[in-house]
Amino acid sequence: MGERGFRRLLSVRLLAQVGDGFFQGGLAGSVLFNPNQRAGGIAIAAGFAALLVPYSLISPYVGVLLDRWSRRSIILVANTVRAVLMVPVVLLIWHAQESITLFLLALTLIGLNRFFLAGLAAATPHVVEDRMLVTANSVATTVGSIMFSLGLGGTAVLVKTALHTSYHGYAAVALAAAPLYLASALLGRASFTLDALGPTAEERHRSSIRTAIREVSRGSVAGIRHLAGKRGAAYLVVTQGVHRALYGVLLLQTLLLYRTVFNTGKDVTGSFGAIGKAFLAGGVGLLLAAFVTPPVARRIGGWRWVAALLVATAVSVAAFGLPFDPMLMLIAVFVVNLASQGVKIVVDTSLQHECDDDFRGRVFSVNDTVFNLMLVVGMYVGALVLPATGESATAVAAIAVAYALLAAGYSLAAAGWARRVGDDIAQPDGARSTPRMLTRSS
């Protein structure tokens, strides 16, 4: 299957993530950038928490299902359900019904998205050789994020040109997600056999539902223990978690700055078009990460590349964030997104490289939980320490210092472990057996 299978799996991802951009752009526009709304920092953080935390808390349990269910079926069912649920979501946005029903539907859609993406991550080693995992993850996660950003940017462009900055305009943009979700589902169904993406029929658990429920907690604990035994991957998960918390503060600050300090219009609707430039800058950073990360990580090692990215983030936040200039802020957004995506590529590759296939679903779900919860933690911290405008030199300086300290701490831990086991994603061939043997004896 090889390259052909990877291209098809990538196409499934890209269709869905463009849809995610349109859906989340329409939803965010109707809440954050509508003239009838003036959500502050706490309200924005609460919105992210409400949409990300519930699924994140059950994500390790969902990981057990990823190791039990056909991942092709997950692609088909998750995206088909999302296409159907988009209809009532669009109707509620159109009629300005910001009710508990809209919240629950949005919560379900985002939860299904996380389940779908975790399934794709666990399926990737079935269509890509181990030595090519870093490249595959670079392409998949980066291009996927770019397509998501294009959906968000497309939302900003459409509501400022062809459509109106209103509930009707946001609903019309969100509606574009439905056919994209359906196309992704059908492409996944047509491209792969039932067992092609794992787990195979022999690997799949066939116990009763009651037994499966009992196994969920044990399986989740087993996944965490398995990750803890793969020290190189575990250090990366923890480091990415701290990075996501800092990123959450920066994200909230950027949103507030574009709504206030950088907004030259009379109301918040003017900022929705301006923030499209930030989406574009971030998308360029994501794209560059896809080209740079594979060759650099192979040449110098994954841990060195992650450390370098964290240092670059610290420098760019201080140099381009502190002046609070909209043009310099775009450079900071570019660098931070390049670094964030580069770190994510290395983390995903390390999890796939070090963790056994029958644990991958659980391990990726644990990582997904950390990834989302720490973002929300960072946004709440930002909401508490940032002013309403987002303009705080103290906060920017503190974040830059925190990134520098994170780079130093991770470098010390990861370098020692890499030397001890003689393994890194830069040298996948022949290394898969050696580090496991050393890990068992340590």
Protein backbone atom coordinates (compact mmCIF):
# COMPACT_ATOMS: atom_id res chain seq x y z
CA MET A 1 0.00 0.00 0.00
CA GLY A 2 2.86 2.37 0.99
CA GLU A 3 2.82 5.79 -0.63
CA ARG A 4 -0.53 5.26 -2.34
CA GLY A 5 -2.18 4.45 0.97
CA PHE A 6 -0.62 7.47 2.64
CA ARG A 7 -1.80 9.81 -0.12
CA ARG A 8 -5.35 8.54 0.29
CA LEU A 9 -5.22 8.85 4.07
CA LEU A 10 -3.87 12.38 3.67
CA SER A 11 -6.72 13.27 1.30
CA VAL A 12 -9.22 12.03 3.87
CA ARG A 13 -7.63 14.32 6.48
CA LEU A 14 -7.42 17.39 4.25
CA LEU A 15 -11.05 17.31 3.18
CA ALA A 16 -12.18 17.08 6.80
CA GLN A 17 -9.83 19.78 8.08
CA VAL A 18 -10.93 22.33 5.50
CA GLY A 19 -14.43 21.59 6.76
CA ASP A 20 -13.23 22.11 10.34
CA GLY A 21 -11.92 25.54 9.36
CA PHE A 22 -15.24 26.63 7.88
CA PHE A 23 -17.25 25.20 10.79
CA GLN A 24 -15.09 26.65 13.56
CA GLY A 25 -14.65 29.94 11.69
CA GLY A 26 -18.41 30.35 11.38
CA LEU A 27 -18.95 29.37 15.00
CA ALA A 28 -16.21 31.66 16.35
CA GLY A 29 -17.32 34.55 14.16
CA SER A 30 -20.88 34.33 15.42
CA VAL A 31 -19.69 34.47 19.04
CA LEU A 32 -16.40 36.43 19.17
CA PHE A 33 -16.64 38.80 16.21
CA ASN A 34 -20.30 39.64 16.06
CA PRO A 35 -21.32 43.24 16.78
CA ASN A 36 -23.85 41.97 19.31
CA GLN A 37 -21.14 40.18 21.27
CA ARG A 38 -18.25 41.50 23.36
CA ALA A 39 -16.74 38.39 24.89
CA GLY A 40 -13.91 39.20 27.30
CA GLY A 41 -10.87 37.10 28.18
CA ILE A 42 -12.67 34.92 30.72
CA ALA A 43 -15.58 34.33 28.33
CA ILE A 44 -13.23 33.36 25.49
CA ALA A 45 -11.29 30.99 27.75
CA ALA A 46 -14.54 29.51 29.03
CA GLY A 47 -15.70 28.92 25.45
CA PHE A 48 -12.51 27.03 24.60
CA ALA A 49 -12.77 25.06 27.84
CA ALA A 50 -16.38 24.10 27.21
CA LEU A 51 -15.55 22.79 23.74
CA LEU A 52 -12.22 21.09 24.50
CA VAL A 53 -12.26 19.85 28.09
CA PRO A 54 -15.17 17.34 28.03
CA TYR A 55 -13.71 15.26 25.21
CA SER A 56 -10.18 15.65 26.57
CA LEU A 57 -11.23 14.13 29.88
CA ILE A 58 -12.60 11.01 28.21
CA SER A 59 -9.94 10.88 25.51
CA PRO A 60 -7.85 8.13 27.17
CA TYR A 61 -10.99 6.00 27.36
CA VAL A 62 -11.67 6.68 23.69
CA GLY A 63 -8.12 5.51 22.98
CA VAL A 64 -9.06 2.03 24.08
CA LEU A 65 -11.78 2.09 21.41
CA LEU A 66 -9.20 3.10 18.81
CA ASP A 67 -7.39 -0.14 19.63
CA ARG A 68 -10.62 -2.16 19.35
CA TRP A 69 -12.51 -0.70 16.39
CA SER A 70 -11.59 -0.61 12.74
CA ARG A 71 -10.02 2.78 12.09
CA ARG A 72 -11.57 2.85 8.63
CA SER A 73 -14.98 2.56 10.28
CA ILE A 74 -14.05 5.43 12.61
CA ILE A 75 -13.31 7.63 9.58
CA LEU A 76 -16.62 6.74 7.95
CA VAL A 77 -18.89 7.03 10.98
CA ALA A 78 -17.29 10.10 12.60
CA ASN A 79 -17.38 12.20 9.43
CA THR A 80 -20.85 11.07 8.36
CA VAL A 81 -22.27 11.99 11.75
CA ARG A 82 -20.51 15.37 11.59
CA ALA A 83 -22.01 16.08 8.16
CA VAL A 84 -25.50 15.35 9.49
CA LEU A 85 -25.05 17.43 12.67
CA MET A 86 -23.92 20.46 10.69
CA VAL A 87 -27.50 20.98 9.46
CA PRO A 88 -29.02 21.90 12.86
CA VAL A 89 -25.86 23.86 13.77
CA VAL A 90 -26.22 26.03 10.67
CA LEU A 91 -29.91 26.60 11.35
CA LEU A 92 -29.21 27.68 14.93
CA ILE A 93 -26.48 30.13 13.85
CA TRP A 94 -28.72 31.48 11.06
CA HIS A 95 -31.50 32.26 13.55
CA ALA A 96 -29.05 33.60 16.19
CA GLN A 97 -30.04 30.88 18.64
CA GLU A 98 -26.96 30.76 20.90
CA SER A 99 -28.56 28.18 23.17
CA ILE A 100 -27.46 25.11 25.10
CA THR A 101 -28.45 23.08 22.04
CA LEU A 102 -25.88 24.85 19.87
CA PHE A 103 -23.26 24.37 22.56
CA LEU A 104 -23.95 20.63 22.84
CA LEU A 105 -23.89 20.17 19.07
CA ALA A 106 -20.60 22.07 18.78
CA LEU A 107 -19.20 20.01 21.64
CA THR A 108 -20.16 16.79 19.85
CA LEU A 109 -18.70 17.94 16.53
CA ILE A 110 -15.36 18.92 18.04
CA GLY A 111 -15.23 15.69 20.06
CA LEU A 112 -15.79 13.65 16.91
CA ASN A 113 -13.05 15.64 15.21
CA ARG A 114 -10.52 14.78 17.94
CA PHE A 115 -11.57 11.11 17.76
CA PHE A 116 -11.16 11.16 13.98
CA LEU A 117 -7.69 12.78 14.10
CA ALA A 118 -6.47 10.39 16.82
CA GLY A 119 -7.62 7.50 14.64
CA LEU A 120 -5.67 8.88 11.68
CA ALA A 121 -2.53 9.20 13.81
CA ALA A 122 -2.83 5.60 15.01
CA ALA A 123 -3.44 4.42 11.43
CA THR A 124 -0.45 6.16 9.83
CA PRO A 125 2.14 3.45 10.61
CA HIS A 126 -0.02 1.03 8.58
CA VAL A 127 0.52 3.01 5.37
CA VAL A 128 4.06 4.35 5.95
CA GLU A 129 7.36 2.60 6.66
CA ASP A 130 8.98 3.40 10.00
CA ARG A 131 11.91 5.20 8.40
CA MET A 132 9.47 7.59 6.67
CA LEU A 133 7.27 8.37 9.68
CA VAL A 134 8.87 11.75 10.37
CA THR A 135 8.20 12.86 6.80
CA ALA A 136 4.67 11.44 6.82
CA ASN A 137 3.80 13.22 10.07
CA SER A 138 5.39 16.41 8.83
CA VAL A 139 3.25 16.38 5.71
CA ALA A 140 0.02 15.17 7.35
CA THR A 141 -0.09 17.37 10.44
CA THR A 142 1.31 20.46 8.77
CA VAL A 143 -0.72 20.39 5.58
CA GLY A 144 -3.77 19.47 7.65
CA SER A 145 -3.23 22.51 9.86
CA ILE A 146 -2.73 24.68 6.80
CA MET A 147 -6.02 23.48 5.32
CA PHE A 148 -7.72 24.24 8.63
CA SER A 149 -6.17 27.72 8.58
CA LEU A 150 -7.34 28.19 4.99
CA GLY A 151 -10.85 27.36 6.12
CA LEU A 152 -10.60 29.95 8.89
CA GLY A 153 -9.05 32.49 6.55
CA GLY A 154 -11.66 31.72 3.91
CA THR A 155 -14.34 32.44 6.48
CA ALA A 156 -12.80 35.86 7.20
CA VAL A 157 -12.55 36.69 3.49
CA LEU A 158 -16.07 35.54 2.65
CA VAL A 159 -17.80 37.43 5.44
CA LYS A 160 -15.95 40.61 4.49
CA THR A 161 -16.65 40.34 0.74
CA ALA A 162 -19.32 38.05 -0.70
CA LEU A 163 -21.24 37.65 2.55
CA HIS A 164 -22.21 39.98 5.37
CA THR A 165 -20.68 40.09 8.84
CA SER A 166 -23.83 38.73 10.42
CA TYR A 167 -25.33 35.54 11.74
CA HIS A 168 -26.54 34.72 8.23
CA GLY A 169 -23.05 35.15 6.82
CA TYR A 170 -21.45 32.97 9.48
CA ALA A 171 -24.12 30.29 9.01
CA ALA A 172 -23.56 30.24 5.24
CA VAL A 173 -19.83 29.70 5.71
CA ALA A 174 -20.36 26.96 8.31
CA LEU A 175 -22.66 25.12 5.91
CA ALA A 176 -19.70 24.50 3.58
CA ALA A 177 -18.31 22.03 6.14
CA ALA A 178 -21.09 19.46 5.65
CA PRO A 179 -20.23 18.30 2.08
CA LEU A 180 -16.53 18.26 2.96
CA TYR A 181 -17.14 15.96 5.93
CA LEU A 182 -19.27 13.68 3.78
CA ALA A 183 -16.64 13.57 1.02
CA SER A 184 -13.98 12.64 3.59
CA ALA A 185 -16.14 9.81 4.92
CA LEU A 186 -16.85 8.37 1.49
CA LEU A 187 -13.23 8.63 0.37
CA GLY A 188 -12.06 6.75 3.47
CA ARG A 189 -14.66 4.05 2.88
CA ALA A 190 -13.66 3.64 -0.77
CA SER A 191 -9.88 3.75 -0.23
CA PHE A 192 -9.28 1.12 2.45
CA THR A 193 -10.43 -2.34 3.43
CA LEU A 194 -11.82 -2.92 6.91
CA ASP A 195 -8.50 -3.98 8.48
CA ALA A 196 -6.11 -1.92 6.31
CA LEU A 197 -5.63 0.83 8.91
CA GLY A 198 -5.56 -1.50 11.91
CA PRO A 199 -6.15 -3.03 14.26
CA THR A 200 -6.40 -6.32 12.35
CA ALA A 201 -9.16 -8.82 13.06
CA GLU A 202 -6.71 -10.88 15.11
CA GLU A 203 -5.59 -7.87 17.18
CA ARG A 204 -9.07 -6.51 17.78
CA HIS A 205 -10.64 -7.26 21.16
CA ARG A 206 -13.89 -9.22 21.04
CA SER A 207 -14.97 -9.16 24.69
CA SER A 208 -18.44 -8.10 25.83
CA ILE A 209 -19.41 -4.45 26.28
CA ARG A 210 -19.42 -4.87 30.07
CA THR A 211 -15.95 -6.35 29.99
CA ALA A 212 -14.85 -3.63 27.60
CA ILE A 213 -16.04 -0.93 30.02
CA ARG A 214 -13.97 -2.49 32.80
CA GLU A 215 -11.01 -2.73 30.48
CA VAL A 216 -11.18 0.97 29.65
CA SER A 217 -9.70 2.16 32.95
CA ARG A 218 -7.13 -0.61 33.02
CA GLY A 219 -6.26 0.03 29.39
CA SER A 220 -5.85 3.76 29.94
CA VAL A 221 -3.53 3.16 32.89
CA ALA A 222 -1.62 0.65 30.79
CA GLY A 223 -1.25 3.23 28.03
CA ILE A 224 0.16 5.80 30.48
CA ARG A 225 2.56 3.22 31.89
CA HIS A 226 3.62 2.22 28.39
CA LEU A 227 4.32 5.87 27.54
CA ALA A 228 6.24 6.37 30.79
CA GLY A 229 8.48 3.45 29.81
CA LYS A 230 9.27 5.11 26.50
CA ARG A 231 11.17 7.93 28.15
CA GLY A 232 12.09 9.86 25.01
CA ALA A 233 8.45 10.09 23.91
CA ALA A 234 7.31 10.87 27.46
CA TYR A 235 9.67 13.84 27.75
CA LEU A 236 8.28 15.16 24.48
CA VAL A 237 4.65 14.83 25.62
CA VAL A 238 5.38 16.73 28.83
CA THR A 239 7.35 19.41 26.98
CA GLN A 240 4.61 19.87 24.41
CA GLY A 241 2.10 20.16 27.26
CA VAL A 242 4.00 23.06 28.86
CA HIS A 243 4.41 24.65 25.43
CA ARG A 244 0.65 24.42 24.85
CA ALA A 245 -0.04 26.23 28.12
CA LEU A 246 2.26 29.08 27.08
CA TYR A 247 0.72 29.00 23.61
CA GLY A 248 -2.72 29.34 25.21
CA VAL A 249 -1.69 32.62 26.87
CA LEU A 250 -0.31 33.88 23.55
CA LEU A 251 -3.45 32.82 21.68
CA LEU A 252 -5.75 34.69 24.04
CA GLN A 253 -3.48 37.73 23.98
CA THR A 254 -3.48 37.74 20.16
CA LEU A 255 -7.28 37.55 20.01
CA LEU A 256 -7.63 40.41 22.49
CA LEU A 257 -5.07 42.57 20.69
CA TYR A 258 -6.80 42.14 17.35
CA ARG A 259 -10.18 42.95 18.89
CA THR A 260 -8.90 46.13 20.54
CA VAL A 261 -5.40 47.60 20.03
CA PHE A 262 -5.00 46.46 16.41
CA ASN A 263 -8.61 47.12 15.46
CA THR A 264 -9.01 50.38 13.57
CA GLY A 265 -12.75 49.95 13.06
CA LYS A 266 -15.58 51.11 15.26
CA ASP A 267 -16.67 47.64 16.37
CA VAL A 268 -15.35 44.09 16.66
CA THR A 269 -16.46 43.15 13.13
CA GLY A 270 -13.52 45.09 11.72
CA SER A 271 -11.08 42.86 13.59
CA PHE A 272 -12.38 39.67 11.98
CA GLY A 273 -10.88 40.62 8.62
CA ALA A 274 -7.63 41.84 10.20
CA ILE A 275 -7.08 38.62 12.11
CA GLY A 276 -7.19 36.81 8.78
CA LYS A 277 -3.67 38.14 8.23
CA ALA A 278 -2.57 36.38 11.41
CA PHE A 279 -4.14 33.14 10.14
CA LEU A 280 -2.17 33.56 6.92
CA ALA A 281 1.11 34.21 8.76
CA GLY A 282 0.50 31.19 10.96
CA GLY A 283 -0.30 29.06 7.92
CA VAL A 284 2.98 30.03 6.26
CA GLY A 285 4.80 29.00 9.44
CA LEU A 286 3.03 25.65 9.41
CA LEU A 287 3.95 25.11 5.78
CA LEU A 288 7.61 25.89 6.36
CA ALA A 289 7.66 23.48 9.31
CA ALA A 290 6.59 20.68 6.96
CA PHE A 291 9.59 21.28 4.69
CA VAL A 292 12.19 22.01 7.36
CA THR A 293 11.43 19.49 10.11
CA PRO A 294 12.07 16.16 8.32
CA PRO A 295 15.59 16.87 7.00
CA VAL A 296 16.70 18.80 10.08
CA ALA A 297 15.31 16.24 12.56
CA ARG A 298 17.01 13.41 10.69
CA ARG A 299 20.30 15.29 10.56
CA ILE A 300 20.59 16.61 14.12
CA GLY A 301 18.04 14.47 15.98
CA GLY A 302 14.48 15.13 17.09
CA TRP A 303 15.37 16.34 20.59
CA ARG A 304 17.87 18.91 19.32
CA TRP A 305 15.36 20.26 16.82
CA VAL A 306 12.67 20.62 19.49
CA ALA A 307 15.11 22.46 21.76
CA ALA A 308 16.08 24.80 18.92
CA LEU A 309 12.42 25.53 18.14
CA LEU A 310 11.71 26.41 21.78
CA VAL A 311 14.67 28.78 21.85
CA ALA A 312 13.50 30.40 18.59
CA THR A 313 10.06 30.87 20.13
CA ALA A 314 11.52 32.56 23.20
CA VAL A 315 13.53 34.97 21.06
CA SER A 316 10.69 35.79 18.64
CA VAL A 317 8.14 36.39 21.40
CA ALA A 318 10.48 38.89 23.08
CA ALA A 319 11.75 40.55 19.90
CA PHE A 320 8.52 40.81 17.89
CA GLY A 321 5.84 40.65 20.58
CA LEU A 322 6.98 43.35 22.96
CA PRO A 323 6.65 46.31 20.56
CA PHE A 324 2.92 45.48 20.14
CA ASP A 325 3.10 46.43 16.49
CA PRO A 326 0.62 44.62 14.19
CA MET A 327 3.24 43.93 11.50
CA LEU A 328 5.86 42.66 13.95
CA MET A 329 3.16 40.58 15.63
CA LEU A 330 2.66 38.74 12.33
CA ILE A 331 6.33 37.71 12.42
CA ALA A 332 5.90 36.42 15.98
CA VAL A 333 2.80 34.46 14.92
CA PHE A 334 4.76 32.98 12.01
CA VAL A 335 7.66 31.80 14.20
CA VAL A 336 5.48 30.51 17.04
CA ASN A 337 3.34 28.46 14.64
CA LEU A 338 6.40 27.12 12.84
CA ALA A 339 7.84 26.00 16.17
CA SER A 340 4.54 24.61 17.41
CA GLN A 341 4.04 22.52 14.31
CA GLY A 342 7.66 21.35 14.29
CA VAL A 343 7.34 20.17 17.88
CA LYS A 344 4.07 18.39 17.09
CA ILE A 345 5.62 16.56 14.15
CA VAL A 346 8.47 15.29 16.32
CA VAL A 347 6.08 14.29 19.13
CA ASP A 348 3.77 12.33 16.81
CA THR A 349 6.71 10.63 15.13
CA SER A 350 8.29 9.70 18.44
CA LEU A 351 5.03 8.18 19.72
CA GLN A 352 4.65 6.13 16.54
CA HIS A 353 8.31 5.13 16.54
CA GLU A 354 8.64 4.13 20.18
CA CYS A 355 5.19 2.85 21.16
CA ASP A 356 3.84 -0.59 20.25
CA ASP A 357 0.87 -0.69 17.87
CA ASP A 358 -1.51 -2.25 20.38
CA PHE A 359 -0.90 0.76 22.67
CA ARG A 360 -0.81 3.52 20.06
CA GLY A 361 -4.49 4.43 20.27
CA ARG A 362 -4.31 4.87 24.03
CA VAL A 363 -1.01 6.73 23.93
CA PHE A 364 -2.24 9.16 21.27
CA SER A 365 -5.40 9.75 23.27
CA VAL A 366 -3.34 10.55 26.38
CA ASN A 367 -1.27 12.96 24.30
CA ASP A 368 -4.44 14.49 22.88
CA THR A 369 -5.76 15.06 26.42
CA VAL A 370 -2.58 16.82 27.50
CA PHE A 371 -2.51 18.82 24.24
CA ASN A 372 -6.00 20.27 24.71
CA LEU A 373 -6.18 20.61 28.50
CA MET A 374 -2.94 22.54 28.72
CA LEU A 375 -4.16 24.96 26.04
CA VAL A 376 -7.23 25.68 28.14
CA VAL A 377 -5.11 26.06 31.28
CA GLY A 378 -2.96 28.60 29.47
CA MET A 379 -5.98 30.55 28.25
CA TYR A 380 -7.42 30.75 31.76
CA VAL A 381 -4.09 31.93 33.13
CA GLY A 382 -4.02 34.53 30.37
CA ALA A 383 -7.56 35.63 31.20
CA LEU A 384 -6.49 36.22 34.82
CA VAL A 385 -3.26 38.11 34.14
CA LEU A 386 -3.91 39.97 30.89
CA PRO A 387 -5.74 43.31 30.69
CA ALA A 388 -8.88 43.58 28.55
CA THR A 389 -6.82 44.88 25.63
CA GLY A 390 -4.22 42.09 25.86
CA GLU A 391 -1.39 44.64 25.92
CA SER A 392 0.96 43.53 28.71
CA ALA A 393 4.74 43.76 28.34
CA THR A 394 5.21 41.87 31.61
CA ALA A 395 3.22 38.89 30.34
CA VAL A 396 5.12 38.77 27.04
CA ALA A 397 8.50 38.93 28.82
CA ALA A 398 7.46 36.20 31.26
CA ILE A 399 6.37 33.92 28.42
CA ALA A 400 9.68 34.44 26.60
CA VAL A 401 11.63 33.53 29.75
CA ALA A 402 9.40 30.48 30.32
CA TYR A 403 10.11 29.21 26.80
CA ALA A 404 13.86 29.63 27.38
CA LEU A 405 13.67 27.68 30.64
CA LEU A 406 11.56 24.97 28.97
CA ALA A 407 14.18 24.62 26.22
CA ALA A 408 16.96 24.23 28.76
CA GLY A 409 15.09 21.72 30.91
CA TYR A 410 14.01 19.57 27.98
CA SER A 411 17.50 19.60 26.47
CA LEU A 412 19.07 18.28 29.67
CA ALA A 413 16.52 15.47 30.08
CA ALA A 414 16.24 14.42 26.44
CA ALA A 415 19.95 14.57 25.67
CA GLY A 416 20.78 12.28 28.59
CA TRP A 417 18.16 9.74 27.59
CA ALA A 418 19.11 9.78 23.90
CA ARG A 419 22.75 9.09 24.78
CA ARG A 420 21.73 6.31 27.14
CA VAL A 421 19.57 4.33 24.71
CA GLY A 422 21.28 5.35 21.47
CA ASP A 423 17.94 5.98 19.79
CA ASP A 424 16.25 8.99 18.24
CA ILE A 425 13.85 9.49 15.34
CA ALA A 426 16.92 10.57 13.39
CA GLN A 427 18.07 6.92 13.39
CA PRO A 428 14.93 4.75 13.20
CA ASP A 429 16.49 1.86 11.26
CA GLY A 430 17.68 -0.86 13.55
CA ALA A 431 16.97 1.17 16.65
CA ARG A 432 13.55 -0.19 17.48
CA SER A 433 14.83 -3.30 19.21
CA THR A 434 17.83 -1.78 21.01
CA PRO A 435 16.03 0.94 22.98
CA ARG A 436 13.33 -1.47 24.11
CA MET A 437 15.95 -3.87 25.46
CA LEU A 438 17.74 -1.05 27.25
CA THR A 439 14.48 0.28 28.63
CA ARG A 440 13.56 -3.09 30.12
CA SER A 441 16.96 -3.38 31.80
CA SER A 442 16.94 0.16 33.21
